[in-house]
Amino acid sequence: EKVKWDAQIRSSLIREKDLDLLKLMRKANCR
């Protein structure tokens, strides 16, 4: 509720099955 954030990720690490984790990151205010 207080801070936005972003992170580096290598494209080869992202799979279809990671969609829920990425959504959780969004909920945690990753933008």
PDB file of all heavy atoms in Angstrom:
ATOM      1  N   GLU A   1       0.824  -1.214   0.000  1.00  0.00           N
ATOM      2  CA  GLU A   1       0.000   0.000   0.000  1.00  0.00           C
ATOM      3  C   GLU A   1       0.861   1.269   0.000  1.00  0.00           C
ATOM      4  O   GLU A   1       0.349   2.364  -0.211  1.00  0.00           O
ATOM      5  CB  GLU A   1      -0.915  -0.001   1.224  1.00  0.00           C
ATOM      6  CG  GLU A   1      -1.892  -1.162   1.231  1.00  0.00           C
ATOM      7  CD  GLU A   1      -2.593  -1.350   2.575  1.00  0.00           C
ATOM      8  OE1 GLU A   1      -2.305  -0.594   3.530  1.00  0.00           O
ATOM      9  OE2 GLU A   1      -3.422  -2.276   2.664  1.00  0.00           O
ATOM     10  N   LYS A   2       2.171   1.105   0.210  1.00  0.00           N
ATOM     11  CA  LYS A   2       3.047   2.259   0.369  1.00  0.00           C
ATOM     12  C   LYS A   2       4.085   2.424  -0.733  1.00  0.00           C
ATOM     13  O   LYS A   2       4.601   3.505  -0.927  1.00  0.00           O
ATOM     14  CB  LYS A   2       3.771   2.160   1.713  1.00  0.00           C
ATOM     15  CG  LYS A   2       2.823   2.145   2.892  1.00  0.00           C
ATOM     16  CD  LYS A   2       3.573   1.898   4.178  1.00  0.00           C
ATOM     17  CE  LYS A   2       2.562   1.808   5.321  1.00  0.00           C
ATOM     18  NZ  LYS A   2       3.150   1.278   6.525  1.00  0.00           N
ATOM     19  N   VAL A   3       4.419   1.329  -1.404  1.00  0.00           N
ATOM     20  CA  VAL A   3       5.513   1.408  -2.366  1.00  0.00           C
ATOM     21  C   VAL A   3       5.242   0.503  -3.569  1.00  0.00           C
ATOM     22  O   VAL A   3       4.699  -0.587  -3.434  1.00  0.00           O
ATOM     23  CB  VAL A   3       6.865   1.046  -1.689  1.00  0.00           C
ATOM     24  CG1 VAL A   3       6.912  -0.398  -1.255  1.00  0.00           C
ATOM     25  CG2 VAL A   3       8.040   1.399  -2.561  1.00  0.00           C
ATOM     26  N   LYS A   4       5.607   1.007  -4.734  1.00  0.00           N
ATOM     27  CA  LYS A   4       5.587   0.205  -5.961  1.00  0.00           C
ATOM     28  C   LYS A   4       6.993  -0.349  -6.163  1.00  0.00           C
ATOM     29  O   LYS A   4       7.961   0.184  -5.624  1.00  0.00           O
ATOM     30  CB  LYS A   4       5.209   1.079  -7.161  1.00  0.00           C
ATOM     31  CG  LYS A   4       3.815   1.643  -7.076  1.00  0.00           C
ATOM     32  CD  LYS A   4       3.558   2.590  -8.232  1.00  0.00           C
ATOM     33  CE  LYS A   4       2.199   3.254  -8.050  1.00  0.00           C
ATOM     34  NZ  LYS A   4       1.963   4.293  -9.037  1.00  0.00           N
ATOM     35  N   TRP A   5       7.091  -1.393  -6.964  1.00  0.00           N
ATOM     36  CA  TRP A   5       8.410  -1.959  -7.220  1.00  0.00           C
ATOM     37  C   TRP A   5       8.445  -2.668  -8.563  1.00  0.00           C
ATOM     38  O   TRP A   5       7.418  -2.932  -9.170  1.00  0.00           O
ATOM     39  CB  TRP A   5       8.829  -2.894  -6.086  1.00  0.00           C
ATOM     40  CG  TRP A   5       7.889  -4.023  -5.777  1.00  0.00           C
ATOM     41  CD1 TRP A   5       6.735  -3.955  -5.043  1.00  0.00           C
ATOM     42  CD2 TRP A   5       8.014  -5.385  -6.175  1.00  0.00           C
ATOM     43  NE1 TRP A   5       6.148  -5.191  -4.959  1.00  0.00           N
ATOM     44  CE2 TRP A   5       6.911  -6.087  -5.632  1.00  0.00           C
ATOM     45  CE3 TRP A   5       8.956  -6.084  -6.927  1.00  0.00           C
ATOM     46  CZ2 TRP A   5       6.733  -7.456  -5.835  1.00  0.00           C
ATOM     47  CZ3 TRP A   5       8.781  -7.447  -7.120  1.00  0.00           C
ATOM     48  CH2 TRP A   5       7.678  -8.112  -6.577  1.00  0.00           C
ATOM     49  N   ASP A   6       9.667  -2.884  -9.038  1.00  0.00           N
ATOM     50  CA  ASP A   6       9.851  -3.691 -10.238  1.00  0.00           C
ATOM     51  C   ASP A   6      11.094  -4.546 -10.060  1.00  0.00           C
ATOM     52  O   ASP A   6      11.879  -4.343  -9.134  1.00  0.00           O
ATOM     53  CB  ASP A   6       9.890  -2.843 -11.505  1.00  0.00           C
ATOM     54  CG  ASP A   6      11.061  -1.897 -11.605  1.00  0.00           C
ATOM     55  OD1 ASP A   6      11.283  -1.097 -10.676  1.00  0.00           O
ATOM     56  OD2 ASP A   6      11.743  -1.935 -12.633  1.00  0.00           O
ATOM     57  N   ALA A   7      11.237  -5.523 -10.937  1.00  0.00           N
ATOM     58  CA  ALA A   7      12.325  -6.483 -10.806  1.00  0.00           C
ATOM     59  C   ALA A   7      12.818  -6.922 -12.173  1.00  0.00           C
ATOM     60  O   ALA A   7      12.086  -6.873 -13.153  1.00  0.00           O
ATOM     61  CB  ALA A   7      11.853  -7.706 -10.013  1.00  0.00           C
ATOM     62  N   GLN A   8      14.064  -7.352 -12.194  1.00  0.00           N
ATOM     63  CA  GLN A   8      14.628  -7.930 -13.403  1.00  0.00           C
ATOM     64  C   GLN A   8      14.312  -9.424 -13.431  1.00  0.00           C
ATOM     65  O   GLN A   8      14.413 -10.093 -12.401  1.00  0.00           O
ATOM     66  CB  GLN A   8      16.154  -7.784 -13.407  1.00  0.00           C
ATOM     67  CG  GLN A   8      16.653  -6.390 -13.558  1.00  0.00           C
ATOM     68  CD  GLN A   8      18.170  -6.347 -13.448  1.00  0.00           C
ATOM     69  OE1 GLN A   8      18.750  -6.933 -12.551  1.00  0.00           O
ATOM     70  NE2 GLN A   8      18.796  -5.633 -14.356  1.00  0.00           N
ATOM     71  N   ILE A   9      13.952  -9.909 -14.597  1.00  0.00           N
ATOM     72  CA  ILE A   9      13.742 -11.345 -14.785  1.00  0.00           C
ATOM     73  C   ILE A   9      14.266 -11.707 -16.170  1.00  0.00           C
ATOM     74  O   ILE A   9      14.029 -10.983 -17.137  1.00  0.00           O
ATOM     75  CB  ILE A   9      12.250 -11.735 -14.668  1.00  0.00           C
ATOM     76  CG1 ILE A   9      11.702 -11.395 -13.280  1.00  0.00           C
ATOM     77  CG2 ILE A   9      12.067 -13.219 -14.958  1.00  0.00           C
ATOM     78  CD1 ILE A   9      10.227 -11.708 -13.107  1.00  0.00           C
ATOM     79  N   ARG A  10      14.945 -12.811 -16.277  1.00  0.00           N
ATOM     80  CA  ARG A  10      15.385 -13.293 -17.591  1.00  0.00           C
ATOM     81  C   ARG A  10      14.199 -13.928 -18.305  1.00  0.00           C
ATOM     82  O   ARG A  10      13.437 -14.691 -17.697  1.00  0.00           O
ATOM     83  CB  ARG A  10      16.504 -14.313 -17.433  1.00  0.00           C
ATOM     84  CG  ARG A  10      17.808 -13.663 -16.995  1.00  0.00           C
ATOM     85  CD  ARG A  10      18.886 -14.687 -16.837  1.00  0.00           C
ATOM     86  NE  ARG A  10      18.699 -15.312 -15.536  1.00  0.00           N
ATOM     87  CZ  ARG A  10      19.490 -16.237 -15.034  1.00  0.00           C
ATOM     88  NH1 ARG A  10      20.508 -16.675 -15.718  1.00  0.00           N
ATOM     89  NH2 ARG A  10      19.254 -16.745 -13.847  1.00  0.00           N
ATOM     90  N   SER A  11      14.046 -13.652 -19.570  1.00  0.00           N
ATOM     91  CA  SER A  11      12.890 -14.159 -20.314  1.00  0.00           C
ATOM     92  C   SER A  11      12.835 -15.681 -20.305  1.00  0.00           C
ATOM     93  O   SER A  11      11.756 -16.269 -20.294  1.00  0.00           O
ATOM     94  CB  SER A  11      12.880 -13.631 -21.745  1.00  0.00           C
ATOM     95  OG  SER A  11      13.988 -14.115 -22.479  1.00  0.00           O
ATOM     96  N   SER A  12      13.975 -16.332 -20.259  1.00  0.00           N
ATOM     97  CA  SER A  12      13.994 -17.800 -20.286  1.00  0.00           C
ATOM     98  C   SER A  12      13.476 -18.424 -18.995  1.00  0.00           C
ATOM     99  O   SER A  12      13.196 -19.619 -18.960  1.00  0.00           O
ATOM    100  CB  SER A  12      15.419 -18.302 -20.554  1.00  0.00           C
ATOM    101  OG  SER A  12      16.302 -17.849 -19.540  1.00  0.00           O
ATOM    102  N   LEU A  13      13.314 -17.628 -17.944  1.00  0.00           N
ATOM    103  CA  LEU A  13      12.806 -18.157 -16.674  1.00  0.00           C
ATOM    104  C   LEU A  13      11.288 -18.113 -16.578  1.00  0.00           C
ATOM    105  O   LEU A  13      10.711 -18.695 -15.669  1.00  0.00           O
ATOM    106  CB  LEU A  13      13.399 -17.361 -15.502  1.00  0.00           C
ATOM    107  CG  LEU A  13      14.894 -17.490 -15.296  1.00  0.00           C
ATOM    108  CD1 LEU A  13      15.354 -16.573 -14.161  1.00  0.00           C
ATOM    109  CD2 LEU A  13      15.278 -18.938 -15.006  1.00  0.00           C
ATOM    110  N   ILE A  14      10.631 -17.414 -17.478  1.00  0.00           N
ATOM    111  CA  ILE A  14       9.186 -17.223 -17.390  1.00  0.00           C
ATOM    112  C   ILE A  14       8.476 -18.267 -18.241  1.00  0.00           C
ATOM    113  O   ILE A  14       8.705 -18.372 -19.444  1.00  0.00           O
ATOM    114  CB  ILE A  14       8.788 -15.800 -17.800  1.00  0.00           C
ATOM    115  CG1 ILE A  14       9.451 -14.800 -16.859  1.00  0.00           C
ATOM    116  CG2 ILE A  14       7.277 -15.637 -17.815  1.00  0.00           C
ATOM    117  CD1 ILE A  14       9.276 -13.366 -17.248  1.00  0.00           C
ATOM    118  N   ARG A  15       7.611 -19.008 -17.591  1.00  0.00           N
ATOM    119  CA  ARG A  15       6.822 -20.050 -18.247  1.00  0.00           C
ATOM    120  C   ARG A  15       5.341 -19.740 -18.070  1.00  0.00           C
ATOM    121  O   ARG A  15       4.948 -18.957 -17.217  1.00  0.00           O
ATOM    122  CB  ARG A  15       7.122 -21.424 -17.620  1.00  0.00           C
ATOM    123  CG  ARG A  15       8.564 -21.852 -17.727  1.00  0.00           C
ATOM    124  CD  ARG A  15       8.852 -22.336 -19.138  1.00  0.00           C
ATOM    125  NE  ARG A  15      10.199 -22.837 -19.286  1.00  0.00           N
ATOM    126  CZ  ARG A  15      11.155 -22.202 -19.947  1.00  0.00           C
ATOM    127  NH1 ARG A  15      10.923 -21.024 -20.479  1.00  0.00           N
ATOM    128  NH2 ARG A  15      12.344 -22.738 -20.076  1.00  0.00           N
ATOM    129  N   GLU A  16       4.527 -20.396 -18.843  1.00  0.00           N
ATOM    130  CA  GLU A  16       3.068 -20.242 -18.751  1.00  0.00           C
ATOM    131  C   GLU A  16       2.580 -20.510 -17.326  1.00  0.00           C
ATOM    132  O   GLU A  16       1.723 -19.808 -16.808  1.00  0.00           O
ATOM    133  CB  GLU A  16       2.391 -21.194 -19.743  1.00  0.00           C
ATOM    134  CG  GLU A  16       0.898 -21.033 -19.836  1.00  0.00           C
ATOM    135  CD  GLU A  16       0.464 -19.728 -20.471  1.00  0.00           C
ATOM    136  OE1 GLU A  16       1.153 -19.230 -21.371  1.00  0.00           O
ATOM    137  OE2 GLU A  16      -0.574 -19.192 -20.025  1.00  0.00           O
ATOM    138  N   LYS A  17       3.165 -21.501 -16.681  1.00  0.00           N
ATOM    139  CA  LYS A  17       2.750 -21.871 -15.326  1.00  0.00           C
ATOM    140  C   LYS A  17       3.070 -20.794 -14.289  1.00  0.00           C
ATOM    141  O   LYS A  17       2.613 -20.873 -13.150  1.00  0.00           O
ATOM    142  CB  LYS A  17       3.392 -23.196 -14.917  1.00  0.00           C
ATOM    143  CG  LYS A  17       4.897 -23.121 -14.770  1.00  0.00           C
ATOM    144  CD  LYS A  17       5.495 -24.463 -14.420  1.00  0.00           C
ATOM    145  CE  LYS A  17       7.005 -24.346 -14.295  1.00  0.00           C
ATOM    146  NZ  LYS A  17       7.624 -25.601 -13.969  1.00  0.00           N
ATOM    147  N   ASP A  18       3.836 -19.779 -14.663  1.00  0.00           N
ATOM    148  CA  ASP A  18       4.199 -18.696 -13.748  1.00  0.00           C
ATOM    149  C   ASP A  18       3.183 -17.556 -13.730  1.00  0.00           C
ATOM    150  O   ASP A  18       3.370 -16.577 -13.000  1.00  0.00           O
ATOM    151  CB  ASP A  18       5.576 -18.133 -14.114  1.00  0.00           C
ATOM    152  CG  ASP A  18       6.667 -19.164 -13.967  1.00  0.00           C
ATOM    153  OD1 ASP A  18       6.613 -19.946 -12.999  1.00  0.00           O
ATOM    154  OD2 ASP A  18       7.575 -19.202 -14.828  1.00  0.00           O
ATOM    155  N   LEU A  19       2.121 -17.686 -14.485  1.00  0.00           N
ATOM    156  CA  LEU A  19       1.125 -16.614 -14.556  1.00  0.00           C
ATOM    157  C   LEU A  19       0.585 -16.259 -13.173  1.00  0.00           C
ATOM    158  O   LEU A  19       0.491 -15.081 -12.824  1.00  0.00           O
ATOM    159  CB  LEU A  19      -0.014 -16.990 -15.504  1.00  0.00           C
ATOM    160  CG  LEU A  19      -1.122 -15.950 -15.670  1.00  0.00           C
ATOM    161  CD1 LEU A  19      -0.569 -14.623 -16.202  1.00  0.00           C
ATOM    162  CD2 LEU A  19      -2.207 -16.479 -16.598  1.00  0.00           C
ATOM    163  N   ASP A  20       0.247 -17.250 -12.365  1.00  0.00           N
ATOM    164  CA  ASP A  20      -0.285 -16.965 -11.033  1.00  0.00           C
ATOM    165  C   ASP A  20       0.738 -16.249 -10.151  1.00  0.00           C
ATOM    166  O   ASP A  20       0.380 -15.347  -9.392  1.00  0.00           O
ATOM    167  CB  ASP A  20      -0.768 -18.240 -10.346  1.00  0.00           C
ATOM    168  CG  ASP A  20      -2.053 -18.770 -10.966  1.00  0.00           C
ATOM    169  OD1 ASP A  20      -2.774 -17.992 -11.628  1.00  0.00           O
ATOM    170  OD2 ASP A  20      -2.342 -19.971 -10.784  1.00  0.00           O
ATOM    171  N   LEU A  21       1.999 -16.633 -10.246  1.00  0.00           N
ATOM    172  CA  LEU A  21       3.034 -15.958  -9.458  1.00  0.00           C
ATOM    173  C   LEU A  21       3.205 -14.517  -9.925  1.00  0.00           C
ATOM    174  O   LEU A  21       3.342 -13.599  -9.105  1.00  0.00           O
ATOM    175  CB  LEU A  21       4.362 -16.715  -9.546  1.00  0.00           C
ATOM    176  CG  LEU A  21       5.541 -16.096  -8.791  1.00  0.00           C
ATOM    177  CD1 LEU A  21       5.208 -15.833  -7.325  1.00  0.00           C
ATOM    178  CD2 LEU A  21       6.773 -16.996  -8.923  1.00  0.00           C
ATOM    179  N   LEU A  22       3.165 -14.294 -11.211  1.00  0.00           N
ATOM    180  CA  LEU A  22       3.261 -12.922 -11.723  1.00  0.00           C
ATOM    181  C   LEU A  22       2.056 -12.092 -11.291  1.00  0.00           C
ATOM    182  O   LEU A  22       2.190 -10.908 -10.966  1.00  0.00           O
ATOM    183  CB  LEU A  22       3.407 -12.935 -13.243  1.00  0.00           C
ATOM    184  CG  LEU A  22       4.765 -13.450 -13.741  1.00  0.00           C
ATOM    185  CD1 LEU A  22       4.686 -13.842 -15.208  1.00  0.00           C
ATOM    186  CD2 LEU A  22       5.855 -12.426 -13.512  1.00  0.00           C
ATOM    187  N   LYS A  23       0.881 -12.710 -11.242  1.00  0.00           N
ATOM    188  CA  LYS A  23      -0.302 -12.003 -10.734  1.00  0.00           C
ATOM    189  C   LYS A  23      -0.146 -11.673  -9.253  1.00  0.00           C
ATOM    190  O   LYS A  23      -0.580 -10.612  -8.798  1.00  0.00           O
ATOM    191  CB  LYS A  23      -1.569 -12.829 -10.970  1.00  0.00           C
ATOM    192  CG  LYS A  23      -2.014 -12.849 -12.415  1.00  0.00           C
ATOM    193  CD  LYS A  23      -3.284 -13.681 -12.581  1.00  0.00           C
ATOM    194  CE  LYS A  23      -3.761 -13.684 -14.015  1.00  0.00           C
ATOM    195  NZ  LYS A  23      -4.991 -14.494 -14.184  1.00  0.00           N
ATOM    196  N   LEU A  24       0.462 -12.575  -8.495  1.00  0.00           N
ATOM    197  CA  LEU A  24       0.732 -12.298  -7.085  1.00  0.00           C
ATOM    198  C   LEU A  24       1.718 -11.139  -6.950  1.00  0.00           C
ATOM    199  O   LEU A  24       1.551 -10.278  -6.077  1.00  0.00           O
ATOM    200  CB  LEU A  24       1.278 -13.551  -6.393  1.00  0.00           C
ATOM    201  CG  LEU A  24       1.619 -13.392  -4.911  1.00  0.00           C
ATOM    202  CD1 LEU A  24       0.364 -13.072  -4.089  1.00  0.00           C
ATOM    203  CD2 LEU A  24       2.303 -14.654  -4.393  1.00  0.00           C
ATOM    204  N   MET A  25       2.711 -11.104  -7.812  1.00  0.00           N
ATOM    205  CA  MET A  25       3.642  -9.974  -7.815  1.00  0.00           C
ATOM    206  C   MET A  25       2.882  -8.671  -8.065  1.00  0.00           C
ATOM    207  O   MET A  25       3.122  -7.657  -7.410  1.00  0.00           O
ATOM    208  CB  MET A  25       4.737 -10.178  -8.864  1.00  0.00           C
ATOM    209  CG  MET A  25       5.716 -11.276  -8.507  1.00  0.00           C
ATOM    210  SD  MET A  25       6.869 -11.700  -9.849  1.00  0.00           S
ATOM    211  CE  MET A  25       7.792 -10.160 -10.004  1.00  0.00           C
ATOM    212  N   ARG A  26       1.958  -8.699  -9.003  1.00  0.00           N
ATOM    213  CA  ARG A  26       1.140  -7.510  -9.301  1.00  0.00           C
ATOM    214  C   ARG A  26       0.330  -7.108  -8.075  1.00  0.00           C
ATOM    215  O   ARG A  26       0.239  -5.931  -7.732  1.00  0.00           O
ATOM    216  CB  ARG A  26       0.227  -7.805 -10.493  1.00  0.00           C
ATOM    217  CG  ARG A  26      -0.777  -6.709 -10.839  1.00  0.00           C
ATOM    218  CD  ARG A  26      -0.059  -5.500 -11.427  1.00  0.00           C
ATOM    219  NE  ARG A  26      -0.971  -4.513 -11.944  1.00  0.00           N
ATOM    220  CZ  ARG A  26      -1.476  -3.504 -11.222  1.00  0.00           C
ATOM    221  NH1 ARG A  26      -1.176  -3.361  -9.955  1.00  0.00           N
ATOM    222  NH2 ARG A  26      -2.287  -2.634 -11.784  1.00  0.00           N
ATOM    223  N   LYS A  27      -0.248  -8.084  -7.394  1.00  0.00           N
ATOM    224  CA  LYS A  27      -1.028  -7.812  -6.179  1.00  0.00           C
ATOM    225  C   LYS A  27      -0.135  -7.191  -5.094  1.00  0.00           C
ATOM    226  O   LYS A  27      -0.593  -6.350  -4.316  1.00  0.00           O
ATOM    227  CB  LYS A  27      -1.671  -9.097  -5.675  1.00  0.00           C
ATOM    228  CG  LYS A  27      -2.583  -8.908  -4.490  1.00  0.00           C
ATOM    229  CD  LYS A  27      -3.259 -10.199  -4.091  1.00  0.00           C
ATOM    230  CE  LYS A  27      -4.148  -9.978  -2.874  1.00  0.00           C
ATOM    231  NZ  LYS A  27      -4.772 -11.228  -2.429  1.00  0.00           N
ATOM    232  N   ALA A  28       1.146  -7.593  -5.057  1.00  0.00           N
ATOM    233  CA  ALA A  28       2.104  -7.050  -4.094  1.00  0.00           C
ATOM    234  C   ALA A  28       2.638  -5.691  -4.546  1.00  0.00           C
ATOM    235  O   ALA A  28       3.549  -5.150  -3.945  1.00  0.00           O
ATOM    236  CB  ALA A  28       3.245  -8.032  -3.879  1.00  0.00           C
ATOM    237  N   ASN A  29       2.066  -5.139  -5.594  1.00  0.00           N
ATOM    238  CA  ASN A  29       2.348  -3.813  -6.149  1.00  0.00           C
ATOM    239  C   ASN A  29       3.595  -3.759  -7.023  1.00  0.00           C
ATOM    240  O   ASN A  29       4.166  -2.686  -7.223  1.00  0.00           O
ATOM    241  CB  ASN A  29       2.378  -2.721  -5.078  1.00  0.00           C
ATOM    242  CG  ASN A  29       1.798  -1.423  -5.607  1.00  0.00           C
ATOM    243  OD1 ASN A  29       1.235  -1.363  -6.704  1.00  0.00           O
ATOM    244  ND2 ASN A  29       1.929  -0.361  -4.828  1.00  0.00           N
ATOM    245  N   CYS A  30       4.023  -4.909  -7.545  1.00  0.00           N
ATOM    246  CA  CYS A  30       5.013  -4.894  -8.608  1.00  0.00           C
ATOM    247  C   CYS A  30       4.315  -4.319  -9.834  1.00  0.00           C
ATOM    248  O   CYS A  30       3.167  -4.667 -10.130  1.00  0.00           O
ATOM    249  CB  CYS A  30       5.517  -6.301  -8.905  1.00  0.00           C
ATOM    250  SG  CYS A  30       6.724  -6.379 -10.249  1.00  0.00           S
ATOM    251  N   ARG A  31       4.966  -3.437 -10.524  1.00  0.00           N
ATOM    252  CA  ARG A  31       4.342  -2.791 -11.667  1.00  0.00           C
ATOM    253  C   ARG A  31       5.046  -3.086 -12.980  1.00  0.00           C
ATOM    254  O   ARG A  31       4.480  -2.916 -14.042  1.00  0.00           O
ATOM    255  CB  ARG A  31       4.291  -1.266 -11.462  1.00  0.00           C
ATOM    256  CG  ARG A  31       3.323  -0.854 -10.374  1.00  0.00           C
ATOM    257  CD  ARG A  31       1.912  -1.198 -10.835  1.00  0.00           C
ATOM    258  NE  ARG A  31       0.905  -0.809  -9.877  1.00  0.00           N
ATOM    259  CZ  ARG A  31       0.216  -1.639  -9.127  1.00  0.00           C
ATOM    260  NH1 ARG A  31       0.454  -2.925  -9.171  1.00  0.00           N
ATOM    261  NH2 ARG A  31      -0.716  -1.212  -8.316  1.00  0.00           N
TER     262      ARG A  31
END
